[in-house]
């Protein structure tokens, strides 16, 4: 943490004429949690107000993305509806063809990067507000985008390897490694690549936890911010344990809040289905999908509005603390050598 004196705080203090991070006024000796709480007591209203406005804009973008996704998927919904009508006429049962369901999943996967981009836009806006560094919004957004791609790549590769060798998703007739012919290899390919991808993603995500705060506070480019975050997190056992002690509880609280809000929003599912059928096309399959999506969207938006301001403030405080610790160690080392 810095004390705000120009020229005396090292390379990470605010430049003349630039708004200093909100947490800098809290002094260098407070712990990370106390610093974040002090900032939230002072600026919590402003940050939550910004989060509410960002959530509203993300909602509009998400609605537009949902409309585009439903338009693209509508031929599949129409075919499912016609199949169900014909089965009712024939007094037969009906289940949607697996290829149509896979097509819907592929459309959802195609929409997912745009949804993640919307969420990153919101996170970048709140992160820059947390440290009063609005002029560095594009750098922070670049960090989120680059970090998101790098973290998701191992997960996607692991799933693709598993799906390629152990399922018929990318083929018509049989898997490359059938379970009945190669049971041990099948199990290894079924669970090994996804698990390895997830573990790699978790390590990368933890190592780059501070990258957005670094970009917002120090004004570094995305690649440099990722390197700086990696250096700070792995700068010593104390830094690593402190990062884990902050990141894991915040992540657990965020997930718990999201799950609770999703459960609380589940009654919206029936209302969404009824509204879709009353005011929209008469397609029960599309209405069912809309009913699934609405509680998820509500939970994500409310979770972001509630948890992101204190989380980003805490990470900004952690970043300043690790920087101060490193500078203190450097000064002690230099003094001992002189």
Protein backbone atom coordinates (compact mmCIF):
# COMPACT_ATOMS: atom_id res chain seq x y z
CA UNK A 1 0.00 0.00 0.00
CA UNK A 2 1.25 3.48 -0.73
CA UNK A 3 0.79 6.67 1.24
CA UNK A 4 0.14 8.97 -1.74
CA UNK A 5 3.27 11.18 -1.50
CA UNK A 6 4.52 12.07 -4.96
CA UNK A 7 7.99 10.81 -5.66
CA UNK A 8 8.27 8.88 -2.40
CA UNK A 9 6.06 5.90 -2.95
CA UNK A 10 7.90 3.97 -5.60
CA UNK A 11 6.89 3.33 -9.23
CA UNK A 12 3.31 2.30 -8.43
CA UNK A 13 2.00 5.54 -6.92
CA UNK A 14 -0.44 7.66 -8.88
CA UNK A 15 0.97 10.13 -11.36
CA UNK A 16 0.52 13.87 -10.73
CA UNK A 17 -2.94 14.98 -11.73
CA UNK A 18 -4.24 11.42 -11.77
CA UNK A 19 -6.82 10.08 -9.32
CA UNK A 20 -5.13 7.81 -6.83
CA UNK A 21 -6.57 4.38 -6.05
CA UNK A 22 -9.17 4.55 -3.34
CA UNK A 23 -7.34 2.05 -1.18
CA UNK A 24 -4.15 4.13 -1.05
CA UNK A 25 -5.66 6.44 1.56
CA UNK A 26 -5.97 3.61 4.04
CA UNK A 27 -2.32 3.43 5.00
CA UNK A 28 0.39 0.81 4.51
CA UNK A 29 0.04 -1.13 7.79
CA UNK A 30 -3.52 -2.42 7.59
CA UNK A 31 -4.28 -5.96 6.55
CA UNK A 32 -5.89 -6.72 3.23
CA UNK A 33 -9.35 -7.39 4.65
CA UNK A 34 -9.31 -4.31 6.91
CA UNK A 35 -8.19 -2.16 4.01
CA UNK A 36 -10.94 -3.47 1.76
CA UNK A 37 -13.55 -2.98 4.48
CA UNK A 38 -12.39 0.60 5.04
CA UNK A 39 -12.66 1.34 1.34
CA UNK A 40 -16.11 -0.25 1.11
CA UNK A 41 -17.33 1.76 4.09
CA UNK A 42 -16.21 4.93 2.35
CA UNK A 43 -16.93 4.12 -1.31
CA UNK A 44 -19.36 1.19 -1.12
CA UNK A 45 -22.35 3.22 -2.25
CA UNK A 46 -20.49 4.55 -5.27
CA UNK A 47 -19.16 1.12 -6.24
CA UNK A 48 -22.49 -0.66 -5.83
CA UNK A 49 -24.18 2.10 -7.82
CA UNK A 50 -21.68 1.60 -10.63
CA UNK A 51 -22.22 -2.16 -10.40
CA UNK A 52 -26.00 -1.71 -10.70
CA UNK A 53 -25.61 0.46 -13.82
CA UNK A 54 -23.19 -2.03 -15.33
CA UNK A 55 -25.59 -4.89 -14.59
CA UNK A 56 -28.33 -3.02 -16.43
CA UNK A 57 -26.15 -2.54 -19.51
CA UNK A 58 -25.03 -6.18 -19.42
CA UNK A 59 -28.70 -7.17 -19.22
CA UNK A 60 -29.47 -5.28 -22.42
CA UNK A 61 -26.51 -6.89 -24.17
CA UNK A 62 -27.53 -10.31 -22.90
CA UNK A 63 -31.09 -9.86 -24.16
CA UNK A 64 -29.79 -8.96 -27.60
CA UNK A 65 -27.50 -12.00 -27.59
CA UNK A 66 -30.39 -14.23 -26.47
CA UNK A 67 -32.60 -12.95 -29.30
CA UNK A 68 -29.87 -13.67 -31.85
CA UNK A 69 -29.34 -17.15 -30.40
CA UNK A 70 -33.05 -17.98 -30.52
CA UNK A 71 -33.30 -16.72 -34.11
CA UNK A 72 -30.40 -18.93 -35.18
CA UNK A 73 -31.82 -21.93 -33.29
CA UNK A 74 -35.40 -21.44 -34.42
CA UNK A 75 -35.31 -23.99 -37.29
CA UNK A 76 -34.37 -26.65 -34.74
CA UNK A 77 -37.14 -25.57 -32.36
CA UNK A 78 -39.61 -25.62 -35.25
CA UNK A 79 -38.58 -29.12 -36.31
CA UNK A 80 -38.94 -30.36 -32.74
CA UNK A 81 -42.38 -28.82 -32.43
CA UNK A 82 -43.54 -30.34 -35.72
CA UNK A 83 -42.21 -33.73 -34.69
CA UNK A 84 -44.13 -33.54 -31.41
CA UNK A 85 -47.35 -32.55 -33.21
CA UNK A 86 -47.00 -35.42 -35.68
CA UNK A 87 -46.32 -37.89 -32.86
CA UNK A 88 -49.47 -36.69 -31.08
CA UNK A 89 -51.48 -37.23 -34.29
CA UNK A 90 -49.99 -40.71 -34.62
CA UNK A 91 -50.67 -41.35 -30.91
CA UNK A 92 -47.00 -42.09 -30.44
CA UNK A 93 -44.33 -40.89 -28.04
CA UNK A 94 -41.74 -38.34 -29.15
CA UNK A 95 -38.24 -37.37 -28.11
CA UNK A 96 -36.17 -34.76 -29.99
CA UNK A 97 -33.52 -36.18 -32.29
CA UNK A 98 -30.08 -36.20 -30.73
CA UNK A 99 -28.54 -34.29 -33.63
CA UNK A 100 -30.96 -31.41 -33.05
CA UNK A 101 -30.09 -31.29 -29.38
CA UNK A 102 -26.39 -31.26 -30.27
CA UNK A 103 -27.05 -28.38 -32.67
CA UNK A 104 -28.65 -26.40 -29.86
CA UNK A 105 -25.62 -27.08 -27.68
CA UNK A 106 -23.30 -25.90 -30.44
CA UNK A 107 -25.31 -22.69 -30.82
CA UNK A 108 -25.04 -22.15 -27.07
CA UNK A 109 -21.29 -22.72 -27.22
CA UNK A 110 -21.04 -20.23 -30.10
CA UNK A 111 -22.87 -17.62 -28.00
CA UNK A 112 -20.77 -18.31 -24.89
CA UNK A 113 -17.69 -16.23 -25.90
CA UNK A 114 -19.91 -13.19 -26.51
CA UNK A 115 -21.57 -13.68 -23.14
CA UNK A 116 -18.18 -13.94 -21.45
CA UNK A 117 -17.11 -10.75 -23.24
CA UNK A 118 -20.18 -8.98 -21.83
CA UNK A 119 -19.31 -10.18 -18.34
CA UNK A 120 -15.71 -9.06 -18.80
CA UNK A 121 -16.88 -5.62 -19.88
CA UNK A 122 -18.81 -5.36 -16.63
CA UNK A 123 -15.90 -6.66 -14.55
CA UNK A 124 -13.49 -4.20 -16.18
CA UNK A 125 -15.83 -1.28 -15.50
CA UNK A 126 -16.15 -2.23 -11.82
CA UNK A 127 -12.42 -2.94 -11.45
CA UNK A 128 -11.45 0.47 -12.78
CA UNK A 129 -14.07 2.11 -10.56
CA UNK A 130 -12.69 0.27 -7.52
CA UNK A 131 -9.28 1.94 -7.94
CA UNK A 132 -10.50 5.17 -9.59
CA UNK A 133 -8.62 4.40 -12.82
CA UNK A 134 -11.32 4.85 -15.46
CA UNK A 135 -8.78 5.92 -18.07
CA UNK A 136 -7.29 2.42 -17.99
CA UNK A 137 -10.52 0.64 -18.83
CA UNK A 138 -9.25 -0.73 -22.16
CA UNK A 139 -6.10 -2.13 -20.56
CA UNK A 140 -8.14 -3.86 -17.85
CA UNK A 141 -10.59 -5.21 -20.43
CA UNK A 142 -7.65 -6.53 -22.45
CA UNK A 143 -6.39 -8.32 -19.35
CA UNK A 144 -9.77 -9.95 -18.77
CA UNK A 145 -10.02 -11.04 -22.41
CA UNK A 146 -6.47 -12.41 -22.60
CA UNK A 147 -6.71 -14.11 -19.22
CA UNK A 148 -10.08 -15.62 -20.13
CA UNK A 149 -8.75 -17.09 -23.36
CA UNK A 150 -5.62 -18.49 -21.75
CA UNK A 151 -7.55 -19.99 -18.82
CA UNK A 152 -10.26 -21.57 -20.97
CA UNK A 153 -7.90 -23.05 -23.59
CA UNK A 154 -6.74 -26.02 -21.45
CA UNK A 155 -10.32 -26.76 -20.39
CA UNK A 156 -11.61 -26.71 -23.97
CA UNK A 157 -8.69 -28.80 -25.22
CA UNK A 158 -9.26 -31.37 -22.49
CA UNK A 159 -12.96 -31.66 -23.33
CA UNK A 160 -12.23 -31.88 -27.06
CA UNK A 161 -9.73 -34.70 -26.54
CA UNK A 162 -12.23 -36.57 -24.36
CA UNK A 163 -15.10 -36.06 -26.81
CA UNK A 164 -12.97 -37.01 -29.82
CA UNK A 165 -11.81 -40.34 -28.46
CA UNK A 166 -14.64 -41.53 -26.21
CA UNK A 167 -17.93 -40.30 -27.74
CA UNK A 168 -19.70 -40.14 -31.08
CA UNK A 169 -20.21 -36.36 -30.96
CA UNK A 170 -17.86 -35.76 -33.90
CA UNK A 171 -18.60 -39.03 -35.69
CA UNK A 172 -21.67 -40.92 -36.85
CA UNK A 173 -21.18 -44.54 -35.87
CA UNK A 174 -18.64 -45.40 -33.16
CA UNK A 175 -16.01 -44.01 -30.84
CA UNK A 176 -12.29 -44.20 -31.59
CA UNK A 177 -11.53 -45.92 -28.26
CA UNK A 178 -14.55 -48.13 -27.40
CA UNK A 179 -14.95 -48.93 -23.72
CA UNK A 180 -15.57 -52.62 -24.34
CA UNK A 181 -12.30 -53.00 -26.29
CA UNK A 182 -9.98 -50.75 -24.27
CA UNK A 183 -11.54 -50.26 -20.79
CA UNK A 184 -8.44 -48.85 -19.10
CA UNK A 185 -7.52 -46.50 -21.96
CA UNK A 186 -11.15 -45.42 -22.26
CA UNK A 187 -11.31 -44.41 -18.60
CA UNK A 188 -7.98 -42.59 -18.88
CA UNK A 189 -9.13 -40.62 -21.93
CA UNK A 190 -12.59 -40.03 -20.47
CA UNK A 191 -11.45 -38.40 -17.25
CA UNK A 192 -7.75 -37.59 -17.69
CA UNK A 193 -7.77 -34.74 -20.26
CA UNK A 194 -10.72 -32.82 -18.71
CA UNK A 195 -9.24 -33.14 -15.22
CA UNK A 196 -5.80 -32.04 -16.40
CA UNK A 197 -7.38 -29.11 -18.26
CA UNK A 198 -9.32 -27.99 -15.18
CA UNK A 199 -6.26 -28.23 -12.91
CA UNK A 200 -4.16 -26.25 -15.39
CA UNK A 201 -6.89 -23.63 -15.66
CA UNK A 202 -7.10 -23.30 -11.86
CA UNK A 203 -3.33 -22.77 -11.57
CA UNK A 204 -3.35 -20.15 -14.32
CA UNK A 205 -6.39 -18.40 -12.87
CA UNK A 206 -4.83 -18.21 -9.41
CA UNK A 207 -1.51 -16.99 -10.81
CA UNK A 208 -3.24 -14.23 -12.79
CA UNK A 209 -5.72 -13.26 -10.08
CA UNK A 210 -4.16 -9.83 -9.62
CA UNK A 211 -3.71 -9.02 -13.31
CA UNK A 212 -6.79 -6.74 -13.61
CA UNK A 213 -5.80 -4.83 -10.48
CA UNK A 214 -2.26 -4.54 -11.81
CA UNK A 215 -3.49 -3.11 -15.12
CA UNK A 216 -5.82 -0.68 -13.36
CA UNK A 217 -3.29 0.49 -10.75
CA UNK A 218 0.01 0.35 -12.62
CA UNK A 219 -1.27 0.96 -16.14
CA UNK A 220 0.51 -2.05 -17.65
CA UNK A 221 -0.44 -3.68 -20.95
CA UNK A 222 -2.31 -7.00 -20.77
CA UNK A 223 0.70 -9.30 -21.27
CA UNK A 224 2.83 -7.29 -18.87
CA UNK A 225 0.01 -7.30 -16.31
CA UNK A 226 -0.25 -11.09 -16.48
CA UNK A 227 3.50 -11.40 -15.98
CA UNK A 228 3.43 -8.95 -13.10
CA UNK A 229 0.59 -10.83 -11.40
CA UNK A 230 2.42 -14.13 -11.83
CA UNK A 231 5.56 -12.59 -10.33
CA UNK A 232 3.69 -11.17 -7.34
CA UNK A 233 1.70 -14.33 -6.59
CA UNK A 234 4.70 -16.65 -6.90
CA UNK A 235 7.10 -14.17 -5.30
CA UNK A 236 7.33 -16.23 -2.14
CA UNK A 237 5.46 -18.63 0.09
CA UNK A 238 3.87 -15.78 2.06
CA UNK A 239 2.59 -14.09 -1.11
CA UNK A 240 1.18 -17.33 -2.46
CA UNK A 241 -0.57 -18.24 0.79
CA UNK A 242 -1.93 -14.72 1.13
CA UNK A 243 -3.33 -14.87 -2.41
CA UNK A 244 -4.93 -18.24 -1.79
CA UNK A 245 -6.33 -17.03 1.55
CA UNK A 246 -8.02 -14.13 -0.24
CA UNK A 247 -9.01 -15.75 -3.55
CA UNK A 248 -10.52 -19.00 -2.27
CA UNK A 249 -12.96 -17.45 0.24
CA UNK A 250 -14.01 -14.80 -2.27
CA UNK A 251 -14.54 -17.46 -4.92
CA UNK A 252 -16.48 -19.66 -2.51
CA UNK A 253 -18.68 -16.76 -1.39
CA UNK A 254 -19.37 -15.80 -5.01
CA UNK A 255 -20.34 -19.34 -5.98
CA UNK A 256 -22.52 -19.73 -2.87
CA UNK A 257 -24.31 -16.43 -3.53
CA UNK A 258 -24.88 -17.40 -7.16
CA UNK A 259 -26.33 -20.79 -6.22
CA UNK A 260 -28.61 -19.28 -3.58
CA UNK A 261 -29.84 -16.60 -5.97
CA UNK A 262 -30.44 -19.22 -8.66
CA UNK A 263 -32.56 -21.23 -6.25
CA UNK A 264 -34.44 -18.09 -5.26
CA UNK A 265 -35.02 -17.22 -8.92
CA UNK A 266 -36.29 -20.67 -9.94
CA UNK A 267 -39.96 -19.62 -9.60
CA UNK A 268 -39.31 -17.30 -12.55
CA UNK A 269 -39.03 -20.39 -14.77
CA UNK A 270 -42.76 -21.15 -14.84
CA UNK A 271 -43.64 -17.50 -15.32
CA UNK A 272 -41.18 -17.16 -18.19
CA UNK A 273 -42.58 -20.23 -19.95
CA UNK A 274 -46.15 -18.95 -19.60
CA UNK A 275 -45.21 -15.45 -20.78
CA UNK A 276 -43.28 -16.87 -23.75
CA UNK A 277 -46.23 -19.00 -24.86
CA UNK A 278 -48.79 -16.24 -24.26
CA UNK A 279 -46.91 -13.37 -25.92
CA UNK A 280 -44.51 -15.22 -28.23
CA UNK A 281 -44.53 -18.15 -30.64
CA UNK A 282 -46.38 -21.32 -29.70
CA UNK A 283 -43.31 -23.49 -29.25
CA UNK A 284 -43.01 -25.35 -25.97
CA UNK A 285 -39.37 -26.33 -26.58
CA UNK A 286 -38.22 -22.74 -27.07
CA UNK A 287 -40.29 -21.70 -24.05
CA UNK A 288 -38.64 -24.42 -21.97
CA UNK A 289 -35.15 -23.18 -22.93
CA UNK A 290 -36.14 -19.58 -22.13
CA UNK A 291 -37.42 -20.74 -18.76
CA UNK A 292 -34.07 -22.37 -18.02
CA UNK A 293 -32.05 -19.32 -19.04
CA UNK A 294 -33.90 -16.61 -17.13
CA UNK A 295 -33.11 -17.79 -13.55
CA UNK A 296 -29.48 -18.31 -14.54
CA UNK A 297 -29.26 -14.80 -15.99
CA UNK A 298 -30.89 -13.24 -12.94
CA UNK A 299 -28.55 -15.10 -10.59
CA UNK A 300 -25.44 -14.08 -12.56
CA UNK A 301 -26.42 -10.41 -12.75
CA UNK A 302 -27.37 -10.08 -9.08
CA UNK A 303 -24.26 -11.98 -8.00
CA UNK A 304 -22.08 -9.61 -9.99
CA UNK A 305 -23.79 -6.51 -8.65
CA UNK A 306 -23.47 -7.73 -5.04
CA UNK A 307 -20.07 -9.43 -4.93
CA UNK A 308 -17.86 -7.78 -7.55
CA UNK A 309 -17.38 -4.40 -5.81
CA UNK A 310 -16.01 -5.86 -2.55
CA UNK A 311 -14.10 -8.58 -4.42
CA UNK A 312 -12.33 -6.15 -6.76
CA UNK A 313 -11.62 -3.80 -3.87
CA UNK A 314 -10.08 -6.68 -1.93
CA UNK A 315 -7.91 -7.75 -4.87
CA UNK A 316 -6.75 -4.16 -5.33
CA UNK A 317 -5.80 -4.05 -1.66
CA UNK A 318 -4.01 -7.42 -1.97
CA UNK A 319 -2.08 -6.15 -4.99
CA UNK A 320 -0.91 -3.07 -3.11
CA UNK A 321 0.06 -5.19 -0.11
CA UNK A 322 2.15 -7.61 -2.16
CA UNK A 323 3.85 -4.72 -3.97
CA UNK A 324 4.66 -3.06 -0.64
CA UNK A 325 6.04 -6.32 0.76
CA UNK A 326 8.23 -6.82 -2.29
CA UNK A 327 9.57 -3.27 -2.15
CA UNK A 328 10.27 -3.67 1.57
CA UNK A 329 12.21 -6.89 0.95
CA UNK A 330 14.14 -5.24 -1.86
CA UNK A 331 15.05 -2.30 0.37
CA UNK A 332 16.18 -4.60 3.18
CA UNK A 333 18.30 -6.64 0.76
CA UNK A 334 19.88 -3.51 -0.70
CA UNK A 335 20.61 -2.15 2.78
CA UNK A 336 22.23 -5.41 3.88
CA UNK A 337 24.54 -5.39 0.86
CA UNK A 338 25.62 -1.80 1.30
